[in-house]
Protein backbone atom coordinates (compact mmCIF):
# COMPACT_ATOMS: atom_id res chain seq x y z
CA MET A 1 -16.28 88.29 48.35
CA ALA A 2 -15.34 91.94 48.84
CA ARG A 3 -14.37 91.23 52.42
CA THR A 4 -12.22 88.28 51.36
CA LYS A 5 -10.43 90.33 48.70
CA ALA A 6 -9.88 93.19 51.13
CA HIS A 7 -8.43 90.80 53.68
CA ARG A 8 -6.15 89.28 51.03
CA ASP A 9 -4.95 92.72 49.88
CA THR A 10 -4.28 93.80 53.44
CA SER A 11 -2.41 90.61 54.29
CA ARG A 12 -0.11 91.16 51.36
CA ARG A 13 1.02 94.43 52.85
CA ARG A 14 0.90 93.83 56.57
CA HIS A 15 1.70 90.56 58.30
CA ASP A 16 1.40 90.79 62.07
CA CYS A 17 2.19 87.89 64.38
CA TRP A 18 1.46 87.38 68.04
CA ARG A 19 3.51 88.64 70.93
CA LEU A 20 7.02 87.68 71.91
CA GLY A 21 7.50 84.80 74.31
CA ALA A 22 10.82 84.14 76.01
CA ALA A 23 12.33 80.91 77.27
CA PRO A 24 14.99 80.78 80.02
CA ARG A 25 18.38 82.38 79.33
CA HIS A 26 16.74 84.98 77.07
CA VAL A 27 16.34 82.49 74.22
CA ILE A 28 13.19 83.22 72.19
CA ARG A 29 11.45 80.26 70.58
CA THR A 30 8.20 81.66 69.18
CA VAL A 31 6.79 83.67 66.33
CA LEU A 32 7.97 87.26 66.76
CA PRO A 33 5.64 90.25 66.31
CA HIS A 34 6.50 91.75 62.97
CA THR A 35 5.22 93.53 59.90
CA VAL A 36 6.26 92.77 56.33
CA ILE A 37 6.20 95.77 54.00
CA PRO A 38 6.68 95.41 50.22
CA LEU A 39 9.22 97.73 48.57
CA GLY A 40 8.40 97.58 44.89
CA ASP A 41 8.58 94.18 43.22
CA ARG A 42 12.14 93.23 44.22
CA ALA A 43 12.41 93.98 47.94
CA LEU A 44 10.55 93.88 51.22
CA THR A 45 11.18 95.10 54.75
CA ILE A 46 10.56 93.08 57.91
CA ASP A 47 9.77 95.51 60.74
CA PHE A 48 9.70 94.68 64.47
CA PRO A 49 7.84 97.70 65.91
CA GLU A 50 6.85 96.10 69.22
CA LEU A 51 10.32 95.10 70.38
CA ASP A 52 12.24 97.37 72.74
CA GLY A 53 15.76 97.67 74.10
CA ARG A 54 18.34 95.18 72.81
CA ALA A 55 15.72 92.73 71.51
CA PRO A 56 15.43 94.17 67.96
CA ARG A 57 19.21 94.06 67.49
CA ASP A 58 19.43 90.43 68.64
CA VAL A 59 16.40 89.39 66.58
CA ILE A 60 17.67 91.05 63.41
CA ARG A 61 21.18 89.66 63.83
CA SER A 62 19.82 86.14 64.38
CA LEU A 63 17.34 86.36 61.50
CA ASP A 64 19.98 87.77 59.16
CA ALA A 65 22.34 84.90 59.99
CA ARG A 66 19.55 82.34 59.57
CA LEU A 67 18.57 83.70 56.16
CA LEU A 68 22.20 83.71 55.05
CA ALA A 69 22.58 80.09 56.13
CA SER A 70 19.38 79.12 54.31
CA ALA A 71 20.97 80.03 50.96
CA HIS A 72 17.49 80.83 49.61
CA PRO A 73 18.04 81.06 45.83
CA ALA A 74 15.76 84.09 45.39
CA ILE A 75 17.25 86.28 48.13
CA THR A 76 19.89 88.49 46.52
CA GLY A 77 20.67 90.86 49.39
CA ARG A 78 20.07 91.53 53.08
CA VAL A 79 20.21 94.98 54.68
CA PRO A 80 19.96 95.05 58.51
CA GLY A 81 18.61 98.32 59.93
CA ILE A 82 17.55 99.67 63.30
CA GLY A 83 14.53 97.50 64.09
CA THR A 84 14.23 96.29 60.48
CA LEU A 85 15.69 93.84 58.00
CA THR A 86 15.27 94.52 54.27
CA LEU A 87 15.52 91.68 51.79
CA HIS A 88 16.17 92.06 48.06
CA TYR A 89 14.94 89.16 45.96
CA GLU A 90 14.60 87.94 42.38
CA PRO A 91 10.87 87.93 41.47
CA LEU A 92 11.46 85.43 38.66
CA LEU A 93 12.50 82.87 41.28
CA THR A 94 9.82 83.50 43.91
CA SER A 95 6.68 85.52 44.52
CA TYR A 96 6.20 88.09 47.27
CA GLU A 97 3.61 85.84 48.93
CA ALA A 98 5.88 82.80 48.86
CA LEU A 99 8.77 84.76 50.35
CA VAL A 100 6.53 86.09 53.12
CA ARG A 101 5.50 82.51 53.96
CA PHE A 102 9.18 81.54 54.08
CA ILE A 103 9.87 84.45 56.45
CA HIS A 104 7.00 83.41 58.73
CA GLU A 105 8.25 79.82 58.80
CA THR A 106 11.78 81.00 59.55
CA LEU A 107 10.63 83.25 62.39
CA ALA A 108 8.45 80.48 63.83
CA SER A 109 11.55 78.35 64.47
CA LEU A 110 14.08 81.13 65.00
CA VAL A 111 16.26 80.88 68.10
CA VAL A 112 17.31 84.34 69.26
CA THR A 113 20.22 84.72 71.65
CA PRO A 114 22.17 87.78 72.75
CA ALA A 115 25.36 88.41 70.82
CA ALA A 116 28.43 86.79 72.30
CA ALA A 117 30.46 89.19 74.40
CA THR A 118 33.58 90.24 72.52
CA ASP A 119 36.31 92.75 73.17
CA PRO A 120 35.50 96.13 71.62
CA VAL A 121 37.35 97.14 68.47
CA ARG A 122 39.82 99.85 69.46
CA ILE A 123 39.53 102.82 67.12
CA PRO A 124 42.31 105.43 67.42
CA VAL A 125 41.09 109.03 67.08
CA CYS A 126 42.94 112.33 66.84
CA TYR A 127 40.54 114.82 68.42
CA GLY A 128 40.19 118.53 67.66
CA GLY A 129 42.18 120.88 65.46
CA GLU A 130 41.97 120.19 61.73
CA CYS A 131 40.79 116.67 62.53
CA GLY A 132 37.84 117.81 64.61
CA PRO A 133 36.78 121.31 63.53
CA ASP A 134 33.50 121.17 65.49
CA LEU A 135 34.97 120.02 68.81
CA ASP A 136 34.88 123.47 70.39
CA GLU A 137 31.34 124.08 69.14
CA VAL A 138 30.12 120.82 70.68
CA ALA A 139 31.82 121.76 73.95
CA ALA A 140 30.23 125.23 73.91
CA THR A 141 26.80 123.76 73.15
CA HIS A 142 26.95 121.68 76.33
CA ARG A 143 28.86 124.25 78.40
CA ILE A 144 31.80 121.96 79.00
CA THR A 145 35.42 122.02 77.86
CA ALA A 146 36.85 120.38 74.75
CA ALA A 147 38.83 118.11 77.07
CA ASP A 148 35.56 117.04 78.69
CA VAL A 149 34.09 116.13 75.30
CA ILE A 150 37.14 114.03 74.44
CA ALA A 151 37.14 112.27 77.80
CA MET A 152 33.42 111.49 77.66
CA HIS A 153 33.49 110.37 74.03
CA ALA A 154 36.51 108.11 74.58
CA ALA A 155 35.06 106.63 77.78
CA GLY A 156 32.10 104.99 76.07
CA ILE A 157 31.74 101.44 74.81
CA TYR A 158 29.65 101.65 71.66
CA THR A 159 27.56 99.14 69.72
CA VAL A 160 27.07 99.25 65.96
CA ALA A 161 23.32 99.64 65.51
CA MET A 162 23.49 99.51 61.72
CA ILE A 163 25.62 100.24 58.68
CA GLY A 164 24.11 102.92 56.45
CA PHE A 165 24.38 106.16 54.50
CA LEU A 166 27.71 105.05 52.97
CA PRO A 167 29.37 101.61 52.64
CA GLY A 168 30.91 100.86 56.02
CA PHE A 169 29.44 103.91 57.83
CA PRO A 170 28.66 102.69 61.39
CA TYR A 171 25.83 104.19 63.41
CA LEU A 172 27.12 103.71 66.96
CA GLU A 173 24.83 103.54 69.97
CA GLY A 174 26.01 104.33 73.49
CA LEU A 175 26.90 108.01 73.23
CA ASP A 176 26.76 109.77 76.59
CA ALA A 177 23.49 111.73 76.74
CA ALA A 178 25.46 114.81 77.75
CA LEU A 179 27.03 114.80 74.26
CA HIS A 180 23.85 114.44 72.20
CA THR A 181 24.08 117.25 69.64
CA PRO A 182 21.77 118.12 66.72
CA ARG A 183 23.24 117.96 63.26
CA ARG A 184 24.79 121.06 61.75
CA ALA A 185 22.41 123.65 60.32
CA SER A 186 24.53 123.73 57.15
CA PRO A 187 26.03 120.40 56.03
CA ARG A 188 29.55 120.32 54.62
CA THR A 189 30.01 119.45 50.97
CA ALA A 190 33.12 117.37 51.69
CA VAL A 191 33.87 115.56 54.96
CA PRO A 192 37.29 113.82 54.98
CA ALA A 193 37.41 110.03 55.16
CA GLY A 194 37.90 108.80 58.72
CA SER A 195 36.13 111.77 60.30
CA VAL A 196 34.42 110.97 63.60
CA GLY A 197 31.19 112.85 64.14
CA ILE A 198 28.19 113.29 66.42
CA GLY A 199 24.69 113.45 64.96
CA GLY A 200 21.85 113.58 67.46
CA GLY A 201 22.23 110.66 69.85
CA SER A 202 24.65 108.72 67.67
CA THR A 203 28.32 108.88 66.87
CA GLY A 204 29.74 107.60 63.60
CA ILE A 205 32.72 107.49 61.26
CA TYR A 206 32.77 108.61 57.63
CA PRO A 207 34.39 105.81 55.58
CA CYS A 208 35.13 108.01 52.57
CA THR A 209 35.10 111.67 51.60
CA SER A 210 31.48 112.74 51.20
CA PRO A 211 28.98 115.46 52.08
CA GLY A 212 27.83 115.30 55.69
CA GLY A 213 26.02 117.22 58.39
CA TRP A 214 27.34 115.69 61.61
CA HIS A 215 29.52 117.67 64.01
CA LEU A 216 33.12 116.55 63.46
CA ILE A 217 35.19 116.08 66.61
CA GLY A 218 38.09 113.92 65.40
CA ARG A 219 39.56 111.64 62.78
CA THR A 220 40.72 108.03 62.77
CA PRO A 221 43.54 106.58 60.65
CA ARG A 222 41.63 103.29 60.31
CA ALA A 223 40.05 102.48 56.95
CA LEU A 224 36.38 101.83 57.65
CA PHE A 225 35.74 100.29 54.24
CA ALA A 226 38.19 98.60 51.87
CA PRO A 227 36.68 96.58 48.99
CA THR A 228 39.83 94.46 48.65
CA ARG A 229 39.65 93.11 52.22
CA GLN A 230 38.02 89.75 52.84
CA GLN A 231 35.59 91.62 55.10
CA PRO A 232 35.35 95.06 53.42
CA ALA A 233 33.65 96.83 56.34
CA LEU A 234 35.74 97.21 59.50
CA LEU A 235 32.63 97.13 61.70
CA GLN A 236 29.48 95.02 61.45
CA PRO A 237 26.06 95.44 63.10
CA GLY A 238 26.33 94.23 66.69
CA ASP A 239 30.08 94.85 66.95
CA ARG A 240 31.36 96.90 69.86
CA GLY A 241 33.87 99.70 69.58
CA GLN A 242 35.87 102.06 71.76
CA PHE A 243 37.68 105.26 70.78
CA VAL A 244 41.30 105.75 71.85
CA PRO A 245 42.76 109.30 71.73
CA ILE A 246 45.98 109.70 69.72
CA THR A 247 48.20 112.62 68.71
CA PRO A 248 48.42 114.22 65.24
CA GLU A 249 51.80 112.56 64.77
CA GLN A 250 50.34 109.14 65.60
CA LEU A 251 47.53 109.84 63.14
CA ARG A 252 50.05 110.41 60.35
CA GLN A 253 52.05 107.31 61.29
CA GLN A 254 49.01 105.01 61.49
CA MET A 255 47.08 106.33 58.47
CA GLU A 256 45.68 103.53 56.33
CA PRO A 257 44.71 103.93 52.65
CA GLN A 258 41.21 105.42 52.65
C-alpha cells in the first residue's frame, strides 16, 4: 500500500514518457519525453529536458498551437518558454490529474514540424550615443571597435526563443558568440522603451521603460508591445528578426508611440 501511494504521489509531480521518435521529413509522431510539474493549484509546467537544438522550440510551438485549437474550457492561459510550456487552468473545471492525462493524450498524437520559413522582421536600430550608452563598453570588453559590434550585431538573423520579463520582450537567439557579454554589474533603474541590449548570449528589446541590467547598444523606433493592436506583441516565439542600422534623424522620424 505504501509503495502504491508513493508511486501515485510521485506520478502526480513527475510524468516522464519514452524517447523521441522521428518520422521522415522531421515530423514527430510519438509521445515526447517530458515532465509535468505542478505550480500551485492553478498552473503546471510541461518541461522537455531531453530535447536539444531546435526540437524544443518546434515541439513547444506545435503543442501551444494544438492546445489553443483544442479550446479546452479549463485552460485559461499558455506561456511558452525556453524548453517549457506553462499552462494556467481553472481548478473548478478540471483536476490536475485530468489535465495531465489530457496533455499526455495530446502529445501522443502531436505532429511536430519545423516552423515555416518566413522573411525576418526588419527592426531598425540607432546604435551608440544616447541610444546605446554601453556600445563602447561592449566593444572594449571584446577588444573590437564599436563599428565592429554594430556590423556583427546587424549581420545576424535572430529567432525569438521566448517572450518574457515584460509584455512583448523578445529573447532573441543567434547572437554572434564574439558578442556574448555578461549583464551589467549594476542594473539601471530606468531603461528607455525600445532599447536594444545584450545579456549573456541573448539580445533583446525593452518594450517599455523599466529597470534592466543588459548592456544597451542601440534603440529602435518600433513599438514592441501595443495593447490596442490586434496582435499586441510585435514578435512571437519562433519569429525571425534582423536589425537594420539607422541614423538618429531616422529614429526621430520613425518613432512609434511606446
